[in-house]
C-alpha cells in the first residue's frame, strides 16, 4: 500500500472521529472550538483527496502542504482542549493520531519536493 493510500484512509477515519468529538463539544455548548476543530480536522482529508486529482506535481505538493497545515492546526485545537478540561475525552488518542498524520504528510511533501529537483 502506498503512502498516498495510507494517508487517505487515516485522514478520512480521523475526520469521522473529529465529527464525533464535535458532537460531544456541541452537547457541552462549546461552539467556537467545536467549529474550529471540525473545520480543520475534516479539511485534512479533503485536501488529500484534492491532491489525488492534482494537475501537476507542484499542485500535488501545494494540496498536501495545505493538508499538513490543517493537521497542525487541528493538533493545536486538540492540545487546547486537553489542557482546558472543557471535555472529558481521550485527548492522547487524538493527539497520537494527528501526530501520525502530520508525520506522514510531512514525509509526502518532502519526498515530492525532492523529486522536483
N, C-alpha and C. Protein backbone atom coordinates (compact mmCIF):
# COMPACT_ATOMS: atom_id res chain seq x y z
N UNK A 1 0.85 -1.18 0.00
CA UNK A 1 0.00 0.00 0.00
C UNK A 1 0.89 1.24 0.00
N UNK A 2 0.58 2.19 -0.83
CA UNK A 2 1.41 3.40 -0.93
C UNK A 2 1.06 4.38 0.18
N UNK A 3 1.96 5.33 0.41
CA UNK A 3 1.73 6.36 1.42
C UNK A 3 0.46 7.15 1.12
N UNK A 4 0.23 7.37 -0.16
CA UNK A 4 -0.95 8.13 -0.56
C UNK A 4 -2.22 7.44 -0.08
N UNK A 5 -2.31 6.12 -0.22
CA UNK A 5 -3.48 5.40 0.24
C UNK A 5 -3.57 5.38 1.76
N UNK A 6 -2.46 5.25 2.42
CA UNK A 6 -2.45 5.27 3.88
C UNK A 6 -2.97 6.60 4.38
N UNK A 7 -2.51 7.68 3.80
CA UNK A 7 -2.93 9.00 4.27
C UNK A 7 -4.40 9.25 3.94
N UNK A 8 -4.87 8.75 2.81
CA UNK A 8 -6.30 8.90 2.51
C UNK A 8 -7.14 8.19 3.56
N UNK A 9 -6.76 6.98 3.89
CA UNK A 9 -7.51 6.21 4.88
C UNK A 9 -7.43 6.85 6.25
N UNK A 10 -6.22 7.19 6.67
CA UNK A 10 -6.03 7.78 8.00
C UNK A 10 -6.75 9.12 8.14
N UNK A 11 -6.67 9.96 7.13
CA UNK A 11 -7.30 11.28 7.23
C UNK A 11 -8.83 11.17 7.20
N UNK A 12 -9.35 10.22 6.44
CA UNK A 12 -10.80 10.01 6.40
C UNK A 12 -11.30 9.49 7.75
N UNK A 13 -10.64 8.48 8.27
CA UNK A 13 -11.04 7.91 9.57
C UNK A 13 -10.89 8.93 10.69
N UNK A 14 -9.86 9.75 10.61
CA UNK A 14 -9.67 10.80 11.61
C UNK A 14 -10.80 11.82 11.52
N UNK A 15 -11.20 12.18 10.32
CA UNK A 15 -12.31 13.13 10.15
C UNK A 15 -13.59 12.60 10.78
N UNK A 16 -13.84 11.31 10.64
CA UNK A 16 -15.02 10.71 11.27
C UNK A 16 -14.95 10.84 12.80
N UNK A 17 -13.77 10.64 13.35
CA UNK A 17 -13.59 10.77 14.81
C UNK A 17 -13.76 12.22 15.25
N UNK A 18 -13.31 13.14 14.41
CA UNK A 18 -13.46 14.57 14.72
C UNK A 18 -14.94 14.97 14.71
N UNK A 19 -15.71 14.41 13.81
CA UNK A 19 -17.14 14.69 13.77
C UNK A 19 -17.80 14.25 15.08
N UNK A 20 -17.42 13.09 15.57
CA UNK A 20 -17.95 12.59 16.84
C UNK A 20 -17.53 13.50 18.00
N UNK A 21 -16.26 13.91 17.99
CA UNK A 21 -15.77 14.83 19.02
C UNK A 21 -16.52 16.15 18.96
N UNK A 22 -16.79 16.64 17.76
CA UNK A 22 -17.53 17.88 17.57
C UNK A 22 -18.93 17.77 18.20
N UNK A 23 -19.59 16.65 17.99
CA UNK A 23 -20.92 16.45 18.57
C UNK A 23 -20.88 16.52 20.09
N UNK A 24 -19.84 15.95 20.70
CA UNK A 24 -19.68 15.99 22.16
C UNK A 24 -19.47 17.43 22.64
N UNK A 25 -18.69 18.19 21.88
CA UNK A 25 -18.45 19.58 22.24
C UNK A 25 -19.72 20.41 22.13
N UNK A 26 -20.49 20.19 21.10
CA UNK A 26 -21.74 20.93 20.92
C UNK A 26 -22.72 20.61 22.06
N UNK A 27 -22.75 19.36 22.49
CA UNK A 27 -23.61 18.99 23.63
C UNK A 27 -23.22 19.73 24.90
N UNK A 28 -21.95 20.10 24.99
CA UNK A 28 -21.45 20.87 26.14
C UNK A 28 -21.58 22.38 25.89
N UNK A 29 -22.25 22.74 24.80
CA UNK A 29 -22.44 24.15 24.41
C UNK A 29 -21.13 24.87 24.12
N UNK A 30 -20.14 24.12 23.65
CA UNK A 30 -18.86 24.71 23.25
C UNK A 30 -18.87 24.80 21.73
N UNK A 31 -19.25 25.96 21.23
CA UNK A 31 -19.46 26.11 19.79
C UNK A 31 -18.25 26.64 19.04
N UNK A 32 -17.46 27.47 19.66
CA UNK A 32 -16.33 28.09 18.97
C UNK A 32 -15.25 27.05 18.66
N UNK A 33 -14.78 26.37 19.69
CA UNK A 33 -13.72 25.37 19.47
C UNK A 33 -14.26 24.20 18.65
N UNK A 34 -15.52 23.84 18.88
CA UNK A 34 -16.09 22.71 18.13
C UNK A 34 -16.09 23.02 16.63
N UNK A 35 -16.42 24.24 16.29
CA UNK A 35 -16.44 24.62 14.87
C UNK A 35 -15.03 24.64 14.29
N UNK A 36 -14.09 25.19 15.04
CA UNK A 36 -12.70 25.29 14.57
C UNK A 36 -12.10 23.90 14.33
N UNK A 37 -12.29 23.00 15.30
CA UNK A 37 -11.70 21.67 15.17
C UNK A 37 -12.41 20.86 14.09
N UNK A 38 -13.70 21.09 13.90
CA UNK A 38 -14.43 20.41 12.83
C UNK A 38 -13.91 20.84 11.47
N UNK A 39 -13.71 22.15 11.30
CA UNK A 39 -13.22 22.66 10.02
C UNK A 39 -11.81 22.16 9.70
N UNK A 40 -10.90 22.30 10.66
CA UNK A 40 -9.52 21.90 10.37
C UNK A 40 -9.37 20.39 10.31
N UNK A 41 -10.06 19.67 11.18
CA UNK A 41 -9.93 18.22 11.24
C UNK A 41 -10.50 17.48 10.04
N UNK A 42 -11.54 18.06 9.43
CA UNK A 42 -12.11 17.43 8.23
C UNK A 42 -11.45 17.94 6.95
N UNK A 43 -10.83 19.10 7.04
CA UNK A 43 -10.16 19.68 5.88
C UNK A 43 -8.92 18.89 5.47
N UNK A 44 -8.31 18.21 6.42
CA UNK A 44 -7.11 17.42 6.12
C UNK A 44 -7.41 16.43 4.99
N UNK A 45 -8.42 15.61 5.20
CA UNK A 45 -8.79 14.59 4.22
C UNK A 45 -9.28 15.18 2.91
N UNK A 46 -9.99 16.30 2.99
CA UNK A 46 -10.49 16.95 1.77
C UNK A 46 -9.32 17.39 0.89
N UNK A 47 -8.28 17.93 1.50
CA UNK A 47 -7.11 18.36 0.73
C UNK A 47 -6.31 17.18 0.20
N UNK A 48 -6.26 16.10 0.96
CA UNK A 48 -5.59 14.89 0.48
C UNK A 48 -6.34 14.36 -0.75
N UNK A 49 -7.66 14.35 -0.69
CA UNK A 49 -8.47 13.92 -1.85
C UNK A 49 -8.21 14.81 -3.06
N UNK A 50 -8.19 16.12 -2.83
CA UNK A 50 -7.92 17.05 -3.94
C UNK A 50 -6.55 16.81 -4.54
N UNK A 51 -5.58 16.48 -3.71
CA UNK A 51 -4.21 16.23 -4.20
C UNK A 51 -4.20 15.05 -5.16
N UNK A 52 -5.12 14.11 -4.97
CA UNK A 52 -5.21 12.96 -5.86
C UNK A 52 -5.59 13.34 -7.28
N UNK A 53 -6.18 14.51 -7.43
CA UNK A 53 -6.57 14.99 -8.77
C UNK A 53 -5.73 16.20 -9.19
N UNK A 54 -4.54 16.30 -8.62
CA UNK A 54 -3.67 17.44 -8.92
C UNK A 54 -3.33 17.50 -10.41
N UNK A 55 -3.20 18.71 -10.91
CA UNK A 55 -2.89 18.93 -12.32
C UNK A 55 -1.40 18.85 -12.60
N UNK A 56 -0.61 18.94 -11.54
CA UNK A 56 0.85 18.88 -11.70
C UNK A 56 1.46 18.45 -10.36
N UNK A 57 2.75 18.18 -10.40
CA UNK A 57 3.46 17.82 -9.17
C UNK A 57 3.43 18.99 -8.18
N UNK A 58 3.57 20.20 -8.69
CA UNK A 58 3.51 21.38 -7.83
C UNK A 58 2.14 21.55 -7.19
N UNK A 59 1.09 21.27 -7.94
CA UNK A 59 -0.27 21.34 -7.42
C UNK A 59 -0.46 20.28 -6.34
N UNK A 60 0.07 19.08 -6.57
CA UNK A 60 0.01 17.99 -5.58
C UNK A 60 0.70 18.42 -4.28
N UNK A 61 1.89 18.99 -4.40
CA UNK A 61 2.64 19.44 -3.23
C UNK A 61 1.87 20.53 -2.49
N UNK A 62 1.28 21.44 -3.23
CA UNK A 62 0.51 22.53 -2.61
C UNK A 62 -0.66 21.98 -1.80
N UNK A 63 -1.40 21.04 -2.36
CA UNK A 63 -2.56 20.46 -1.66
C UNK A 63 -2.11 19.67 -0.43
N UNK A 64 -1.06 18.89 -0.57
CA UNK A 64 -0.56 18.13 0.58
C UNK A 64 0.01 19.06 1.65
N UNK A 65 0.59 20.17 1.24
CA UNK A 65 1.10 21.15 2.20
C UNK A 65 -0.05 21.79 2.98
N UNK A 66 -1.14 22.07 2.29
CA UNK A 66 -2.32 22.62 2.96
C UNK A 66 -2.87 21.59 3.95
N UNK A 67 -2.92 20.33 3.53
CA UNK A 67 -3.38 19.26 4.44
C UNK A 67 -2.50 19.21 5.68
N UNK A 68 -1.20 19.36 5.50
CA UNK A 68 -0.26 19.35 6.62
C UNK A 68 -0.52 20.53 7.56
N UNK A 69 -0.77 21.70 7.00
CA UNK A 69 -1.06 22.88 7.82
C UNK A 69 -2.36 22.69 8.60
N UNK A 70 -3.36 22.13 7.96
CA UNK A 70 -4.64 21.87 8.63
C UNK A 70 -4.45 20.86 9.76
N UNK A 71 -3.60 19.87 9.54
CA UNK A 71 -3.32 18.87 10.58
C UNK A 71 -2.65 19.53 11.78
N UNK A 72 -1.73 20.42 11.50
CA UNK A 72 -1.05 21.11 12.60
C UNK A 72 -2.01 22.03 13.36
N UNK A 73 -2.93 22.66 12.64
CA UNK A 73 -3.94 23.48 13.31
C UNK A 73 -4.83 22.61 14.19
N UNK A 74 -5.22 21.46 13.68
CA UNK A 74 -6.05 20.53 14.44
C UNK A 74 -5.32 20.10 15.71
N UNK A 75 -4.03 19.86 15.58
CA UNK A 75 -3.22 19.48 16.75
C UNK A 75 -3.27 20.58 17.81
N UNK A 76 -3.23 21.82 17.38
CA UNK A 76 -3.32 22.95 18.31
C UNK A 76 -4.65 22.91 19.08
N UNK A 77 -5.76 22.75 18.34
CA UNK A 77 -7.07 22.73 18.98
C UNK A 77 -7.19 21.55 19.95
N UNK A 78 -6.64 20.42 19.58
CA UNK A 78 -6.69 19.25 20.46
C UNK A 78 -5.88 19.49 21.74
N UNK A 79 -4.72 20.10 21.60
CA UNK A 79 -3.92 20.42 22.77
C UNK A 79 -4.65 21.40 23.68
N UNK A 80 -5.30 22.38 23.06
CA UNK A 80 -6.07 23.36 23.82
C UNK A 80 -7.21 22.67 24.57
N UNK A 81 -7.90 21.78 23.90
CA UNK A 81 -8.98 21.03 24.55
C UNK A 81 -8.47 20.18 25.71
N UNK A 82 -7.35 19.53 25.48
CA UNK A 82 -6.77 18.67 26.52
C UNK A 82 -6.47 19.45 27.79
N UNK A 83 -5.89 20.62 27.63
CA UNK A 83 -5.44 21.39 28.79
C UNK A 83 -6.52 22.30 29.37
N UNK A 84 -7.62 22.46 28.67
CA UNK A 84 -8.69 23.34 29.16
C UNK A 84 -9.71 22.59 30.01
N UNK A 85 -9.73 21.27 29.92
CA UNK A 85 -10.70 20.46 30.65
C UNK A 85 -12.15 20.81 30.30
N UNK A 86 -12.38 21.28 29.09
CA UNK A 86 -13.75 21.55 28.64
C UNK A 86 -14.54 20.28 28.40
N UNK A 87 -13.80 19.21 28.11
CA UNK A 87 -14.45 17.96 27.74
C UNK A 87 -13.63 16.79 28.26
N UNK A 88 -14.32 15.79 28.77
CA UNK A 88 -13.64 14.58 29.21
C UNK A 88 -13.57 13.63 28.02
N UNK A 89 -12.38 13.50 27.44
CA UNK A 89 -12.17 12.64 26.28
C UNK A 89 -10.72 12.18 26.26
N UNK A 90 -10.45 11.17 25.47
CA UNK A 90 -9.10 10.62 25.39
C UNK A 90 -8.25 11.49 24.44
N UNK A 91 -7.78 12.59 24.96
CA UNK A 91 -7.02 13.54 24.15
C UNK A 91 -5.75 12.91 23.59
N UNK A 92 -5.11 12.06 24.37
CA UNK A 92 -3.87 11.44 23.91
C UNK A 92 -4.10 10.56 22.68
N UNK A 93 -5.23 9.89 22.62
CA UNK A 93 -5.56 9.10 21.44
C UNK A 93 -5.61 10.00 20.20
N UNK A 94 -6.34 11.11 20.30
CA UNK A 94 -6.46 12.04 19.18
C UNK A 94 -5.11 12.66 18.83
N UNK A 95 -4.35 13.01 19.85
CA UNK A 95 -3.03 13.62 19.59
C UNK A 95 -2.07 12.63 18.94
N UNK A 96 -2.13 11.37 19.33
CA UNK A 96 -1.30 10.36 18.67
C UNK A 96 -1.70 10.20 17.21
N UNK A 97 -2.99 10.18 16.96
CA UNK A 97 -3.49 10.06 15.58
C UNK A 97 -3.02 11.24 14.72
N UNK A 98 -3.18 12.45 15.25
CA UNK A 98 -2.83 13.62 14.46
C UNK A 98 -1.32 13.72 14.28
N UNK A 99 -0.55 13.26 15.26
CA UNK A 99 0.91 13.26 15.09
C UNK A 99 1.32 12.32 13.96
N UNK A 100 0.69 11.15 13.88
CA UNK A 100 0.98 10.23 12.77
C UNK A 100 0.64 10.86 11.43
N UNK A 101 -0.50 11.53 11.38
CA UNK A 101 -0.93 12.17 10.13
C UNK A 101 0.05 13.28 9.73
N UNK A 102 0.45 14.10 10.69
CA UNK A 102 1.43 15.17 10.41
C UNK A 102 2.73 14.57 9.89
N UNK A 103 3.20 13.51 10.51
CA UNK A 103 4.46 12.89 10.08
C UNK A 103 4.36 12.32 8.67
N UNK A 104 3.25 11.67 8.36
CA UNK A 104 3.06 11.12 7.01
C UNK A 104 2.99 12.23 5.98
N UNK A 105 2.22 13.26 6.27
CA UNK A 105 2.09 14.37 5.32
C UNK A 105 3.42 15.09 5.11
N UNK A 106 4.17 15.27 6.18
CA UNK A 106 5.50 15.92 6.07
C UNK A 106 6.41 15.10 5.18
N UNK A 107 6.39 13.79 5.35
CA UNK A 107 7.22 12.91 4.52
C UNK A 107 6.80 12.97 3.05
N UNK A 108 5.49 12.99 2.81
CA UNK A 108 5.00 13.07 1.43
C UNK A 108 5.44 14.37 0.78
N UNK A 109 5.30 15.47 1.49
CA UNK A 109 5.68 16.78 0.93
C UNK A 109 7.19 16.83 0.67
N UNK A 110 8.00 16.39 1.63
CA UNK A 110 9.45 16.42 1.46
C UNK A 110 9.90 15.55 0.29
N UNK A 111 9.36 14.35 0.20
CA UNK A 111 9.72 13.44 -0.89
C UNK A 111 9.30 14.02 -2.23
N UNK A 112 8.12 14.58 -2.28
CA UNK A 112 7.63 15.17 -3.53
C UNK A 112 8.45 16.37 -3.95
N UNK A 113 8.86 17.19 -2.98
CA UNK A 113 9.70 18.35 -3.31
C UNK A 113 11.05 17.91 -3.84
N UNK A 114 11.61 16.86 -3.27
CA UNK A 114 12.90 16.35 -3.76
C UNK A 114 12.81 15.86 -5.19
N UNK A 115 11.69 15.27 -5.55
CA UNK A 115 11.54 14.75 -6.90
C UNK A 115 11.39 15.85 -7.94
N UNK A 116 11.11 17.07 -7.49
CA UNK A 116 11.03 18.21 -8.42
C UNK A 116 12.43 18.68 -8.84
N UNK A 117 13.40 18.44 -7.99
CA UNK A 117 14.76 18.96 -8.23
C UNK A 117 15.50 18.14 -9.26
